[in-house]
Amino acid sequence: MAEIRTRRTSAVALAVTAALAVAVTAGCSAGSGDSAKSTDNAAHVTPVSVLKASVPDHISIPSIKVDANLDTVGLDSSGAMQTPPFDKPMEASWYKDGPTPGEKGAAAIAGHMDTPQVEKAVFYNLKQLKKDQEIDIRREDGTTAVFKVDSVSTYKKADFPTDKVYGKTDKAELRLITCGGDLTKDRHWDSNVVVFAHLTGDISPSGA
């Protein structure tokens, strides 16, 4: 699994490995977890610009049928973001040294597009996301942080824009990252797909 090193730009080390290059022999990570439960959240979302810190434990992206639990990853000894576990291809991983989803800053969640054992992993369809589609992150405090997609970009791993993806922001934003692009001769993906999204509101434990 290739990886891109990033420099730490703040105490929370938002500069994580620029891609969690999920490129192994056969690929990355992605796809759909369990079937996505498409719920009518619109009536229950309270507009907010930022939330208090709370560890995320689940991600739902109804438009691409992602409904998955969240693990955590940190930095390895080389300063690169750890790769999500290969034995949990249908789960994604939150970068625990950065902000939690909903806090001010760019929270990062990475997942496999595929693995040598799984053709379509949790973020297989990530590149199909469109502007304004919804991403819901459930958190341990019972709230669900609701994000809307701003854009989806694919970057060559050699030219990964670390500052743009992980740099400081005064808003509550989200980055979803997986592999993409083309396979190299040694069967690694040469690019990363990055989804940029911003917080629009939250759903309280009562659903009110």
N, C-alpha and C. Protein backbone atom coordinates (compact mmCIF):
# COMPACT_ATOMS: atom_id res chain seq x y z
N MET A 1 0.83 -1.17 0.00
CA MET A 1 0.00 0.00 0.00
C MET A 1 0.88 1.23 0.00
N ALA A 2 0.79 1.99 -1.04
CA ALA A 2 1.64 3.17 -1.13
C ALA A 2 1.16 4.21 -0.17
N GLU A 3 2.01 5.15 0.13
CA GLU A 3 1.61 6.18 1.07
C GLU A 3 2.33 7.46 0.74
N ILE A 4 1.73 8.58 1.12
CA ILE A 4 2.36 9.87 0.86
C ILE A 4 2.58 10.55 2.18
N ARG A 5 3.76 10.97 2.43
CA ARG A 5 4.06 11.61 3.70
C ARG A 5 3.60 13.06 3.68
N THR A 6 3.18 13.51 4.83
CA THR A 6 2.78 14.90 4.92
C THR A 6 3.43 15.50 6.14
N ARG A 7 3.67 16.79 6.10
CA ARG A 7 4.25 17.42 7.27
C ARG A 7 3.13 17.83 8.21
N ARG A 8 3.42 17.84 9.49
CA ARG A 8 2.43 18.21 10.48
C ARG A 8 2.27 19.72 10.46
N THR A 9 1.05 20.20 10.17
CA THR A 9 0.83 21.64 10.05
C THR A 9 0.28 22.24 11.33
N SER A 10 -0.08 21.40 12.32
CA SER A 10 -0.61 21.93 13.56
C SER A 10 -0.47 20.89 14.64
N ALA A 11 -0.86 21.26 15.85
CA ALA A 11 -0.72 20.35 16.99
C ALA A 11 -1.55 19.11 16.78
N VAL A 12 -2.63 19.21 16.06
CA VAL A 12 -3.47 18.04 15.85
C VAL A 12 -2.99 17.22 14.68
N ALA A 13 -1.87 17.62 14.09
CA ALA A 13 -1.27 16.86 13.00
C ALA A 13 -2.24 16.63 11.86
N LEU A 14 -2.84 17.68 11.38
CA LEU A 14 -3.75 17.55 10.25
C LEU A 14 -3.00 17.07 9.02
N ALA A 15 -1.69 17.31 9.04
CA ALA A 15 -0.90 16.81 7.94
C ALA A 15 -0.64 15.35 8.17
N VAL A 16 -1.44 14.56 7.60
CA VAL A 16 -1.35 13.13 7.73
C VAL A 16 -0.86 12.62 6.40
N THR A 17 -0.77 11.39 6.16
CA THR A 17 -0.32 10.92 4.87
C THR A 17 -1.28 11.31 3.81
N ALA A 18 -0.77 11.96 2.88
CA ALA A 18 -1.62 12.52 1.86
C ALA A 18 -2.46 11.54 1.16
N ALA A 19 -2.61 10.41 1.42
CA ALA A 19 -3.53 9.63 0.68
C ALA A 19 -3.85 8.33 1.26
N LEU A 20 -3.23 7.95 2.21
CA LEU A 20 -3.46 6.66 2.73
C LEU A 20 -3.46 5.77 1.52
N ALA A 21 -2.54 5.97 0.76
CA ALA A 21 -2.47 5.30 -0.48
C ALA A 21 -2.87 3.87 -0.32
N VAL A 22 -4.08 3.63 -0.59
CA VAL A 22 -4.55 2.30 -0.46
C VAL A 22 -4.23 1.48 -1.65
N ALA A 23 -3.07 1.56 -2.09
CA ALA A 23 -2.74 0.79 -3.24
C ALA A 23 -1.89 -0.38 -2.83
N VAL A 24 -2.44 -1.54 -2.95
CA VAL A 24 -1.68 -2.73 -2.66
C VAL A 24 -1.50 -3.42 -3.99
N THR A 25 -1.25 -4.70 -3.93
CA THR A 25 -1.08 -5.45 -5.16
C THR A 25 -2.24 -5.22 -6.11
N ALA A 26 -3.44 -5.45 -5.64
CA ALA A 26 -4.56 -5.34 -6.56
C ALA A 26 -5.27 -4.03 -6.46
N GLY A 27 -5.14 -3.27 -5.41
CA GLY A 27 -5.83 -2.01 -5.39
C GLY A 27 -6.02 -1.37 -4.06
N CYS A 28 -7.19 -0.80 -3.84
CA CYS A 28 -7.46 0.06 -2.72
C CYS A 28 -8.63 -0.42 -1.93
N SER A 29 -9.43 0.61 -1.53
CA SER A 29 -10.56 0.28 -0.74
C SER A 29 -11.76 1.03 -1.17
N ALA A 30 -12.92 0.46 -1.04
CA ALA A 30 -14.10 1.19 -1.40
C ALA A 30 -15.33 0.38 -1.41
N GLY A 31 -16.31 0.86 -2.12
CA GLY A 31 -17.51 0.11 -2.33
C GLY A 31 -18.59 0.47 -1.37
N SER A 32 -19.48 -0.44 -1.13
CA SER A 32 -20.58 -0.17 -0.25
C SER A 32 -20.50 -1.12 0.92
N GLY A 33 -20.82 -0.63 2.07
CA GLY A 33 -20.83 -1.49 3.24
C GLY A 33 -22.11 -2.29 3.20
N ASP A 34 -22.80 -2.36 4.36
CA ASP A 34 -24.09 -2.99 4.33
C ASP A 34 -24.98 -2.09 3.49
N SER A 35 -26.19 -2.57 3.12
CA SER A 35 -27.01 -1.69 2.32
C SER A 35 -27.34 -0.44 3.06
N ALA A 36 -27.18 0.68 2.34
CA ALA A 36 -27.38 1.97 2.99
C ALA A 36 -28.82 2.14 3.37
N LYS A 37 -29.03 2.65 4.55
CA LYS A 37 -30.38 2.92 5.02
C LYS A 37 -30.69 4.36 4.69
N SER A 38 -31.51 4.57 3.67
CA SER A 38 -31.82 5.92 3.25
C SER A 38 -32.93 6.45 4.12
N THR A 39 -32.58 7.36 5.00
CA THR A 39 -33.57 7.92 5.91
C THR A 39 -33.89 9.34 5.52
N ASP A 40 -35.08 9.77 5.87
CA ASP A 40 -35.50 11.12 5.56
C ASP A 40 -35.02 12.04 6.67
N ASN A 41 -33.78 12.53 6.52
CA ASN A 41 -33.18 13.32 7.57
C ASN A 41 -33.56 14.80 7.52
N ALA A 42 -34.02 15.26 6.36
CA ALA A 42 -34.17 16.69 6.15
C ALA A 42 -34.97 17.38 7.24
N ALA A 43 -36.04 16.75 7.68
CA ALA A 43 -36.92 17.40 8.65
C ALA A 43 -36.30 17.44 10.04
N HIS A 44 -35.25 16.65 10.27
CA HIS A 44 -34.68 16.53 11.62
C HIS A 44 -33.34 17.23 11.78
N VAL A 45 -32.77 17.71 10.69
CA VAL A 45 -31.45 18.33 10.75
C VAL A 45 -31.54 19.74 11.30
N THR A 46 -30.74 20.00 12.34
CA THR A 46 -30.62 21.34 12.91
C THR A 46 -29.40 22.02 12.31
N PRO A 47 -29.56 23.16 11.64
CA PRO A 47 -28.40 23.84 11.05
C PRO A 47 -27.39 24.24 12.13
N VAL A 48 -26.14 23.87 11.93
CA VAL A 48 -25.06 24.28 12.83
C VAL A 48 -23.81 24.50 11.99
N SER A 49 -22.89 25.31 12.50
CA SER A 49 -21.65 25.56 11.77
C SER A 49 -20.48 24.79 12.34
N VAL A 50 -20.61 24.35 13.59
CA VAL A 50 -19.54 23.59 14.23
C VAL A 50 -20.12 22.80 15.39
N LEU A 51 -19.50 21.67 15.71
CA LEU A 51 -19.94 20.83 16.82
C LEU A 51 -18.79 20.62 17.79
N LYS A 52 -19.13 20.21 19.01
CA LYS A 52 -18.10 19.85 19.97
C LYS A 52 -17.47 18.53 19.55
N ALA A 53 -16.29 18.27 20.08
CA ALA A 53 -15.58 17.04 19.73
C ALA A 53 -16.34 15.81 20.18
N SER A 54 -16.40 14.81 19.33
CA SER A 54 -16.97 13.51 19.67
C SER A 54 -16.49 12.50 18.65
N VAL A 55 -15.98 11.38 19.11
CA VAL A 55 -15.41 10.37 18.22
C VAL A 55 -16.49 9.78 17.31
N PRO A 56 -16.22 9.69 16.02
CA PRO A 56 -17.20 9.11 15.09
C PRO A 56 -17.15 7.59 15.10
N ASP A 57 -18.32 6.95 14.90
CA ASP A 57 -18.32 5.49 14.89
C ASP A 57 -19.04 4.88 13.68
N HIS A 58 -19.64 5.74 12.82
CA HIS A 58 -20.39 5.18 11.69
C HIS A 58 -20.50 6.24 10.60
N ILE A 59 -20.44 5.80 9.34
CA ILE A 59 -20.62 6.69 8.21
C ILE A 59 -21.69 6.14 7.28
N SER A 60 -22.54 7.04 6.81
CA SER A 60 -23.60 6.67 5.87
C SER A 60 -23.59 7.65 4.70
N ILE A 61 -23.56 7.11 3.49
CA ILE A 61 -23.64 7.93 2.28
C ILE A 61 -24.71 7.29 1.39
N PRO A 62 -25.97 7.66 1.59
CA PRO A 62 -27.07 6.97 0.89
C PRO A 62 -26.94 6.94 -0.62
N SER A 63 -26.41 8.00 -1.23
CA SER A 63 -26.39 8.07 -2.69
C SER A 63 -25.49 7.01 -3.33
N ILE A 64 -24.49 6.52 -2.59
CA ILE A 64 -23.63 5.46 -3.12
C ILE A 64 -23.70 4.20 -2.25
N LYS A 65 -24.76 4.12 -1.45
CA LYS A 65 -25.04 2.92 -0.66
C LYS A 65 -23.91 2.51 0.28
N VAL A 66 -23.31 3.52 0.92
CA VAL A 66 -22.32 3.25 1.97
C VAL A 66 -23.01 3.32 3.32
N ASP A 67 -22.84 2.30 4.13
CA ASP A 67 -23.41 2.23 5.48
C ASP A 67 -22.42 1.40 6.30
N ALA A 68 -21.45 2.06 6.91
CA ALA A 68 -20.30 1.33 7.45
C ALA A 68 -19.86 1.84 8.81
N ASN A 69 -19.34 0.93 9.61
CA ASN A 69 -18.73 1.31 10.87
C ASN A 69 -17.38 1.97 10.62
N LEU A 70 -16.94 2.75 11.60
CA LEU A 70 -15.66 3.45 11.49
C LEU A 70 -14.66 2.90 12.49
N ASP A 71 -13.49 2.58 12.01
CA ASP A 71 -12.34 2.24 12.83
C ASP A 71 -11.51 3.52 12.98
N THR A 72 -10.32 3.43 13.53
CA THR A 72 -9.43 4.59 13.63
C THR A 72 -8.05 4.23 13.11
N VAL A 73 -7.36 5.23 12.58
CA VAL A 73 -5.95 5.09 12.20
C VAL A 73 -5.21 6.31 12.72
N GLY A 74 -3.89 6.15 12.90
CA GLY A 74 -3.04 7.25 13.31
C GLY A 74 -1.91 7.40 12.33
N LEU A 75 -0.74 7.83 12.82
CA LEU A 75 0.44 7.94 11.98
C LEU A 75 1.39 6.79 12.27
N ASP A 76 2.06 6.31 11.25
CA ASP A 76 3.06 5.29 11.48
C ASP A 76 4.40 5.94 11.81
N SER A 77 5.43 5.14 11.98
CA SER A 77 6.72 5.66 12.43
C SER A 77 7.38 6.60 11.42
N SER A 78 6.93 6.54 10.17
CA SER A 78 7.52 7.41 9.14
C SER A 78 6.74 8.71 8.97
N GLY A 79 5.67 8.88 9.75
CA GLY A 79 4.87 10.09 9.65
C GLY A 79 3.79 10.01 8.59
N ALA A 80 3.51 8.82 8.14
CA ALA A 80 2.45 8.61 7.15
C ALA A 80 1.20 8.07 7.84
N MET A 81 0.05 8.40 7.28
CA MET A 81 -1.19 7.89 7.86
C MET A 81 -1.26 6.38 7.65
N GLN A 82 -1.60 5.69 8.70
CA GLN A 82 -1.72 4.25 8.62
C GLN A 82 -2.82 3.85 7.63
N THR A 83 -2.61 2.72 7.00
CA THR A 83 -3.60 2.19 6.08
C THR A 83 -4.74 1.56 6.88
N PRO A 84 -5.99 1.76 6.47
CA PRO A 84 -7.10 1.06 7.14
C PRO A 84 -6.87 -0.45 7.13
N PRO A 85 -7.37 -1.15 8.11
CA PRO A 85 -7.13 -2.60 8.20
C PRO A 85 -7.62 -3.34 6.96
N PHE A 86 -6.79 -4.21 6.43
CA PHE A 86 -7.19 -4.99 5.26
C PHE A 86 -8.21 -6.07 5.62
N ASP A 87 -8.26 -6.45 6.90
CA ASP A 87 -9.21 -7.48 7.28
C ASP A 87 -10.60 -6.91 7.57
N LYS A 88 -10.77 -5.60 7.36
CA LYS A 88 -12.07 -4.96 7.52
C LYS A 88 -12.35 -4.08 6.29
N PRO A 89 -12.43 -4.69 5.10
CA PRO A 89 -12.53 -3.91 3.87
C PRO A 89 -13.82 -3.11 3.73
N MET A 90 -14.85 -3.50 4.47
CA MET A 90 -16.11 -2.79 4.37
C MET A 90 -16.29 -1.76 5.48
N GLU A 91 -15.23 -1.48 6.22
CA GLU A 91 -15.23 -0.40 7.20
C GLU A 91 -14.28 0.69 6.74
N ALA A 92 -14.54 1.92 7.16
CA ALA A 92 -13.64 3.03 6.89
C ALA A 92 -12.94 3.40 8.20
N SER A 93 -11.96 4.30 8.12
CA SER A 93 -11.18 4.65 9.31
C SER A 93 -11.02 6.15 9.43
N TRP A 94 -11.35 6.66 10.60
CA TRP A 94 -11.16 8.08 10.90
C TRP A 94 -9.74 8.31 11.38
N TYR A 95 -9.12 9.41 10.90
CA TYR A 95 -7.77 9.76 11.32
C TYR A 95 -7.84 10.42 12.70
N LYS A 96 -7.45 9.67 13.72
CA LYS A 96 -7.69 10.05 15.11
C LYS A 96 -6.81 11.18 15.62
N ASP A 97 -5.75 11.55 14.90
CA ASP A 97 -4.90 12.65 15.34
C ASP A 97 -5.37 14.00 14.79
N GLY A 98 -6.45 13.99 14.03
CA GLY A 98 -7.05 15.22 13.52
C GLY A 98 -8.36 15.51 14.24
N PRO A 99 -9.10 16.52 13.78
CA PRO A 99 -10.38 16.85 14.42
C PRO A 99 -11.42 15.76 14.19
N THR A 100 -12.38 15.68 15.08
CA THR A 100 -13.50 14.78 14.87
C THR A 100 -14.46 15.42 13.87
N PRO A 101 -15.20 14.64 13.11
CA PRO A 101 -16.14 15.21 12.15
C PRO A 101 -17.17 16.12 12.83
N GLY A 102 -17.22 17.36 12.38
CA GLY A 102 -18.11 18.36 12.99
C GLY A 102 -17.35 19.42 13.76
N GLU A 103 -16.14 19.09 14.22
CA GLU A 103 -15.28 20.09 14.84
C GLU A 103 -14.72 21.02 13.77
N LYS A 104 -14.23 22.19 14.20
CA LYS A 104 -13.55 23.08 13.27
C LYS A 104 -12.29 22.40 12.76
N GLY A 105 -12.09 22.46 11.47
CA GLY A 105 -10.94 21.82 10.86
C GLY A 105 -11.36 20.79 9.84
N ALA A 106 -10.37 20.16 9.22
CA ALA A 106 -10.63 19.17 8.18
C ALA A 106 -10.49 17.77 8.75
N ALA A 107 -11.62 17.15 9.11
CA ALA A 107 -11.60 15.77 9.59
C ALA A 107 -11.38 14.84 8.40
N ALA A 108 -10.61 13.80 8.60
CA ALA A 108 -10.27 12.89 7.49
C ALA A 108 -10.74 11.47 7.78
N ILE A 109 -11.37 10.86 6.78
CA ILE A 109 -11.80 9.47 6.85
C ILE A 109 -11.32 8.77 5.59
N ALA A 110 -10.61 7.66 5.76
CA ALA A 110 -10.07 6.91 4.63
C ALA A 110 -10.69 5.53 4.57
N GLY A 111 -10.75 5.00 3.38
CA GLY A 111 -11.29 3.66 3.21
C GLY A 111 -10.77 3.03 1.94
N HIS A 112 -10.80 1.72 1.88
CA HIS A 112 -10.33 1.01 0.70
C HIS A 112 -11.31 1.12 -0.45
N MET A 113 -10.77 1.20 -1.66
CA MET A 113 -11.58 1.07 -2.87
C MET A 113 -11.73 -0.41 -3.20
N ASP A 114 -10.64 -1.13 -3.06
CA ASP A 114 -10.65 -2.57 -3.21
C ASP A 114 -9.46 -3.12 -2.43
N THR A 115 -9.39 -4.40 -2.31
CA THR A 115 -8.25 -5.06 -1.68
C THR A 115 -7.95 -6.30 -2.51
N PRO A 116 -6.83 -6.97 -2.26
CA PRO A 116 -6.55 -8.20 -3.00
C PRO A 116 -7.64 -9.26 -2.83
N GLN A 117 -8.35 -9.20 -1.71
CA GLN A 117 -9.39 -10.20 -1.44
C GLN A 117 -10.80 -9.73 -1.79
N VAL A 118 -11.00 -8.41 -1.85
CA VAL A 118 -12.35 -7.86 -2.06
C VAL A 118 -12.33 -6.92 -3.26
N GLU A 119 -13.12 -7.25 -4.26
CA GLU A 119 -13.12 -6.44 -5.49
C GLU A 119 -13.73 -5.07 -5.27
N LYS A 120 -14.75 -4.99 -4.44
CA LYS A 120 -15.42 -3.71 -4.19
C LYS A 120 -15.50 -3.49 -2.68
N ALA A 121 -14.63 -2.64 -2.17
CA ALA A 121 -14.61 -2.36 -0.73
C ALA A 121 -15.45 -1.13 -0.43
N VAL A 122 -15.33 -0.61 0.79
CA VAL A 122 -16.29 0.38 1.30
C VAL A 122 -16.38 1.66 0.47
N PHE A 123 -15.27 2.17 -0.06
CA PHE A 123 -15.30 3.41 -0.82
C PHE A 123 -15.15 3.19 -2.33
N TYR A 124 -15.58 2.05 -2.81
CA TYR A 124 -15.45 1.71 -4.23
C TYR A 124 -16.11 2.77 -5.12
N ASN A 125 -17.25 3.28 -4.71
CA ASN A 125 -18.01 4.23 -5.53
C ASN A 125 -17.81 5.69 -5.13
N LEU A 126 -16.78 5.96 -4.35
CA LEU A 126 -16.60 7.31 -3.82
C LEU A 126 -16.51 8.36 -4.93
N LYS A 127 -15.85 8.04 -6.02
CA LYS A 127 -15.66 9.02 -7.09
C LYS A 127 -16.96 9.40 -7.78
N GLN A 128 -18.03 8.64 -7.52
CA GLN A 128 -19.32 8.95 -8.14
C GLN A 128 -20.12 10.00 -7.38
N LEU A 129 -19.64 10.40 -6.21
CA LEU A 129 -20.37 11.42 -5.45
C LEU A 129 -20.45 12.73 -6.22
N LYS A 130 -21.57 13.43 -6.03
CA LYS A 130 -21.81 14.70 -6.70
C LYS A 130 -22.00 15.82 -5.68
N LYS A 131 -21.82 17.04 -6.14
CA LYS A 131 -21.99 18.21 -5.29
C LYS A 131 -23.36 18.19 -4.62
N ASP A 132 -23.37 18.53 -3.32
CA ASP A 132 -24.57 18.64 -2.48
C ASP A 132 -25.15 17.31 -2.02
N GLN A 133 -24.55 16.18 -2.42
CA GLN A 133 -25.03 14.92 -1.87
C GLN A 133 -24.60 14.80 -0.41
N GLU A 134 -25.36 14.05 0.36
CA GLU A 134 -25.23 14.04 1.81
C GLU A 134 -24.30 12.94 2.32
N ILE A 135 -23.56 13.28 3.36
CA ILE A 135 -22.72 12.32 4.09
C ILE A 135 -23.07 12.46 5.57
N ASP A 136 -23.46 11.39 6.22
CA ASP A 136 -23.85 11.42 7.63
C ASP A 136 -22.82 10.66 8.47
N ILE A 137 -22.32 11.33 9.49
CA ILE A 137 -21.34 10.72 10.39
C ILE A 137 -21.93 10.64 11.79
N ARG A 138 -22.21 9.43 12.24
CA ARG A 138 -22.72 9.26 13.61
C ARG A 138 -21.56 9.33 14.58
N ARG A 139 -21.80 9.96 15.73
CA ARG A 139 -20.74 10.19 16.71
C ARG A 139 -21.12 9.57 18.05
N GLU A 140 -20.11 9.36 18.89
CA GLU A 140 -20.34 8.66 20.15
C GLU A 140 -21.24 9.42 21.11
N ASP A 141 -21.37 10.74 20.94
CA ASP A 141 -22.28 11.49 21.82
C ASP A 141 -23.73 11.36 21.39
N GLY A 142 -23.99 10.57 20.36
CA GLY A 142 -25.35 10.33 19.91
C GLY A 142 -25.79 11.22 18.77
N THR A 143 -25.03 12.27 18.48
CA THR A 143 -25.40 13.16 17.38
C THR A 143 -24.90 12.59 16.05
N THR A 144 -25.53 13.03 14.99
CA THR A 144 -25.08 12.71 13.65
C THR A 144 -24.71 14.00 12.94
N ALA A 145 -23.46 14.12 12.55
CA ALA A 145 -22.99 15.30 11.81
C ALA A 145 -23.36 15.12 10.34
N VAL A 146 -24.06 16.10 9.80
CA VAL A 146 -24.54 16.03 8.42
C VAL A 146 -23.67 16.93 7.54
N PHE A 147 -23.07 16.35 6.52
CA PHE A 147 -22.20 17.09 5.60
C PHE A 147 -22.80 17.07 4.19
N LYS A 148 -22.45 18.09 3.41
CA LYS A 148 -22.80 18.13 2.00
C LYS A 148 -21.52 18.19 1.17
N VAL A 149 -21.50 17.45 0.09
CA VAL A 149 -20.33 17.40 -0.78
C VAL A 149 -20.13 18.73 -1.49
N ASP A 150 -18.89 19.21 -1.48
CA ASP A 150 -18.52 20.40 -2.24
C ASP A 150 -17.92 20.02 -3.59
N SER A 151 -17.02 19.04 -3.59
CA SER A 151 -16.37 18.63 -4.82
C SER A 151 -15.70 17.28 -4.63
N VAL A 152 -15.37 16.65 -5.75
CA VAL A 152 -14.64 15.38 -5.75
C VAL A 152 -13.49 15.51 -6.75
N SER A 153 -12.27 15.23 -6.29
CA SER A 153 -11.11 15.39 -7.15
C SER A 153 -10.22 14.14 -7.09
N THR A 154 -9.49 13.90 -8.17
CA THR A 154 -8.54 12.81 -8.23
C THR A 154 -7.15 13.39 -8.44
N TYR A 155 -6.20 12.99 -7.59
CA TYR A 155 -4.84 13.52 -7.64
C TYR A 155 -3.83 12.39 -7.78
N LYS A 156 -2.83 12.59 -8.62
CA LYS A 156 -1.73 11.65 -8.67
C LYS A 156 -1.04 11.63 -7.31
N LYS A 157 -0.68 10.47 -6.85
CA LYS A 157 -0.06 10.38 -5.53
C LYS A 157 1.24 11.17 -5.45
N ALA A 158 1.94 11.26 -6.56
CA ALA A 158 3.21 12.01 -6.56
C ALA A 158 2.98 13.51 -6.46
N ASP A 159 1.77 13.96 -6.76
CA ASP A 159 1.46 15.39 -6.75
C ASP A 159 0.32 15.71 -5.79
N PHE A 160 0.19 14.93 -4.75
CA PHE A 160 -0.93 15.09 -3.82
C PHE A 160 -0.86 16.46 -3.12
N PRO A 161 -1.96 17.25 -3.16
CA PRO A 161 -1.95 18.60 -2.57
C PRO A 161 -2.22 18.57 -1.07
N THR A 162 -1.20 18.24 -0.33
CA THR A 162 -1.33 18.03 1.12
C THR A 162 -2.00 19.22 1.82
N ASP A 163 -1.55 20.42 1.52
CA ASP A 163 -2.09 21.59 2.22
C ASP A 163 -3.57 21.80 1.91
N LYS A 164 -3.95 21.56 0.66
CA LYS A 164 -5.35 21.73 0.29
C LYS A 164 -6.24 20.72 1.00
N VAL A 165 -5.76 19.50 1.12
CA VAL A 165 -6.57 18.44 1.71
C VAL A 165 -6.57 18.50 3.23
N TYR A 166 -5.40 18.69 3.83
CA TYR A 166 -5.27 18.61 5.27
C TYR A 166 -4.98 19.95 5.96
N GLY A 167 -4.87 21.01 5.16
CA GLY A 167 -4.48 22.29 5.73
C GLY A 167 -5.53 22.89 6.65
N LYS A 168 -5.14 23.93 7.35
CA LYS A 168 -5.99 24.58 8.33
C LYS A 168 -7.23 25.20 7.68
N THR A 169 -8.36 25.06 8.33
CA THR A 169 -9.59 25.70 7.89
C THR A 169 -10.36 26.15 9.12
N ASP A 170 -11.05 27.27 9.02
CA ASP A 170 -11.82 27.79 10.15
C ASP A 170 -13.24 27.23 10.19
N LYS A 171 -13.56 26.37 9.23
CA LYS A 171 -14.89 25.77 9.17
C LYS A 171 -14.81 24.29 9.53
N ALA A 172 -15.96 23.70 9.79
CA ALA A 172 -16.02 22.26 10.02
C ALA A 172 -16.16 21.57 8.68
N GLU A 173 -15.10 20.89 8.27
CA GLU A 173 -15.09 20.26 6.95
C GLU A 173 -14.73 18.78 7.07
N LEU A 174 -14.91 18.07 5.97
CA LEU A 174 -14.68 16.63 5.95
C LEU A 174 -13.94 16.27 4.67
N ARG A 175 -13.01 15.32 4.79
CA ARG A 175 -12.32 14.76 3.64
C ARG A 175 -12.50 13.24 3.66
N LEU A 176 -12.97 12.69 2.58
CA LEU A 176 -13.03 11.25 2.40
C LEU A 176 -12.00 10.87 1.35
N ILE A 177 -11.21 9.84 1.63
CA ILE A 177 -10.06 9.53 0.78
C ILE A 177 -10.02 8.04 0.45
N THR A 178 -9.76 7.75 -0.81
CA THR A 178 -9.53 6.37 -1.22
C THR A 178 -8.57 6.38 -2.41
N CYS A 179 -8.31 5.22 -2.99
CA CYS A 179 -7.44 5.13 -4.15
C CYS A 179 -8.23 5.31 -5.44
N GLY A 180 -7.51 5.53 -6.52
CA GLY A 180 -8.14 5.69 -7.82
C GLY A 180 -7.11 5.85 -8.90
N GLY A 181 -7.55 6.34 -10.04
CA GLY A 181 -6.63 6.52 -11.15
C GLY A 181 -6.41 5.24 -11.92
N ASP A 182 -5.16 4.98 -12.27
CA ASP A 182 -4.80 3.81 -13.08
C ASP A 182 -3.87 2.89 -12.30
N LEU A 183 -3.90 1.62 -12.67
CA LEU A 183 -2.99 0.66 -12.07
C LEU A 183 -1.61 0.75 -12.71
N THR A 184 -0.60 0.74 -11.86
CA THR A 184 0.77 0.74 -12.35
C THR A 184 1.17 -0.69 -12.72
N LYS A 185 2.37 -0.85 -13.26
CA LYS A 185 2.83 -2.18 -13.66
C LYS A 185 2.92 -3.12 -12.47
N ASP A 186 3.21 -2.56 -11.28
CA ASP A 186 3.30 -3.41 -10.10
C ASP A 186 1.97 -3.50 -9.35
N ARG A 187 0.87 -3.16 -10.05
CA ARG A 187 -0.49 -3.36 -9.53
C ARG A 187 -0.80 -2.46 -8.34
N HIS A 188 -0.36 -1.21 -8.41
CA HIS A 188 -0.73 -0.20 -7.42
C HIS A 188 -1.53 0.89 -8.13
N TRP A 189 -2.50 1.46 -7.44
CA TRP A 189 -3.22 2.59 -8.00
C TRP A 189 -2.31 3.83 -7.93
N ASP A 190 -2.34 4.64 -8.98
CA ASP A 190 -1.40 5.76 -9.03
C ASP A 190 -1.97 7.08 -8.51
N SER A 191 -3.22 7.06 -8.06
CA SER A 191 -3.87 8.31 -7.65
C SER A 191 -4.72 8.10 -6.40
N ASN A 192 -5.20 9.22 -5.88
CA ASN A 192 -6.15 9.19 -4.77
C ASN A 192 -7.38 10.02 -5.13
N VAL A 193 -8.52 9.51 -4.75
CA VAL A 193 -9.78 10.23 -4.89
C VAL A 193 -10.06 10.91 -3.56
N VAL A 194 -10.36 12.21 -3.59
CA VAL A 194 -10.64 12.96 -2.37
C VAL A 194 -11.98 13.67 -2.51
N VAL A 195 -12.85 13.45 -1.54
CA VAL A 195 -14.13 14.15 -1.46
C VAL A 195 -13.99 15.29 -0.46
N PHE A 196 -14.37 16.48 -0.86
CA PHE A 196 -14.38 17.66 0.00
C PHE A 196 -15.82 17.95 0.38
N ALA A 197 -16.09 18.10 1.68
CA ALA A 197 -17.46 18.36 2.12
C ALA A 197 -17.45 19.31 3.32
N HIS A 198 -18.59 19.93 3.59
CA HIS A 198 -18.69 20.85 4.73
C HIS A 198 -19.90 20.50 5.58
N LEU A 199 -19.81 20.83 6.86
CA LEU A 199 -20.89 20.56 7.82
C LEU A 199 -22.07 21.48 7.55
N THR A 200 -23.27 20.91 7.51
CA THR A 200 -24.47 21.73 7.33
C THR A 200 -25.40 21.69 8.55
N GLY A 201 -25.26 20.66 9.37
CA GLY A 201 -26.13 20.56 10.53
C GLY A 201 -25.90 19.29 11.30
N ASP A 202 -26.76 19.04 12.27
CA ASP A 202 -26.65 17.79 13.03
C ASP A 202 -28.04 17.28 13.35
N ILE A 203 -28.07 16.00 13.67
CA ILE A 203 -29.30 15.34 14.11
C ILE A 203 -29.08 14.91 15.53
N SER A 204 -29.93 15.35 16.43
CA SER A 204 -29.76 15.06 17.85
C SER A 204 -30.18 13.63 18.14
N PRO A 205 -29.78 13.09 19.30
CA PRO A 205 -30.14 11.71 19.65
C PRO A 205 -31.64 11.46 19.61
N SER A 206 -32.44 12.47 19.92
CA SER A 206 -33.89 12.30 19.92
C SER A 206 -34.48 12.38 18.53
N GLY A 207 -33.63 12.84 17.57
CA GLY A 207 -34.12 12.99 16.22
C GLY A 207 -34.92 14.25 16.04
N ALA A 208 -34.91 15.11 17.07
CA ALA A 208 -35.70 16.34 16.99
C ALA A 208 -34.97 17.40 16.20
